Amino acid sequence: MSLSIRIERQGGTEVMQLVEEKVGAPGAGQLRVRHRAIGLNFIDIYHRSGVYKVSLPGGLGSEAAGVVTAVGPGVSGFAAGDRIAYAGGPLGAYSEERLLPAVNAVKLPDGVSEESAAALMLKGMTAWYLLHLSFPVRPGDTVLVHAAAGGVGSILVPWAKHLGAVVIGTAGSPDKAEAARQAGCDHVIPYREQDFAAEVRRLTEGRGVDVVYDSVGKDTFAGSLDSLRRRGTLVSFGNASGKVPPFEPVLLAEKGSLFLTRPRLADYTATREELDTAAGGLFQALSRGVIKADIGQRYPLREVARAHAELEARKTRGASLLLP
């Protein structure tokens, strides 16, 4: 039997139930995987709370790492005993063991631990496509990273610095501001105390930044637009403070012919080639020391409600893991 977290309705942390389930033999195209570490991400809160629709009843969690215990018919490239990781696919990572489509899995190279992979797969591949595809960062670019000490932010900052960018970060507390500086930010703005858009203009001598990476959403959207240079790009990839309210597209023209994109990882890893490229870029950056698995919290799977509450209240730093 495998312990799993299931929900029958969306809502607060109380909707998550710990259940025992039998995991059968893998079907065609599937792997049976025993988890060793599970990634905790803000999108899990969206799935639990109802920001994003999910199939009910169902599981939660889209990122984990572990060991293949059985291989289903028609699967090639994987064998029992392989260490694998994944980010995406059917929800259900909040479990000790599960069935997983083989198309979602990638093998872990030597030297990459299951905990590092579970902490980095979703956030790290997200950072990879944000920096290389959504807005390809070049040497000399100036970027603004919101929540620079957060899960994705703490990866974006050193990676952007490695690419040659000047990095401005925002943070909501003194300890997170210090963490953002340690990650490599050239400037850190305490957004609860300062008008971050005005400070960005001051730091850039009125020009604005080339790109804003915004995982916060509603509370920072207007200021993010005001922080951009003419023809700059806002990459809005999260809703930590809530959804961005409706607006007229002409606003982008009025503020300097700006570009706006709202990407998601699934559309950048839709094929095996794309998935392997993104994961390969992540593992290469990890092995070269460009980024690291900054694991700030580890929670037993049974304490998932506490983990969600602390993540939602922004009491966490870096990545968080659930341990089966």
Foldseek 3Di string as FASTA:
>chain_A
DKWFWWAQDAAALVRTDTDDDDADAAAAQKFKWFFFWAFDDVVQNCDRHVVDDDDGGDGTGFWTKGFTCHDYPPDPDDDGGFTKIFGDDGGTRLMRIYMGRPLGIDTDDPPQDRHFRNLQVFLVLVLVCVCPPVPPAAAAFEEEEELCQEANNLLNQLLSVVRHYQYEYEDQDPVSQVSSVVSPHPYYHNVVVDLVLVVLCVVVVNAAGQEYEAAQAQVCVVSRLSRHGAQHEYEHAHHLPHHHDDDDPCVCVVSHVYHYDHDHSCVQPVGSVSSCVSVVVSVVCDVVVSHGQPEFEEAESVVVSVVSVCVSVVVTGHIYMYGD
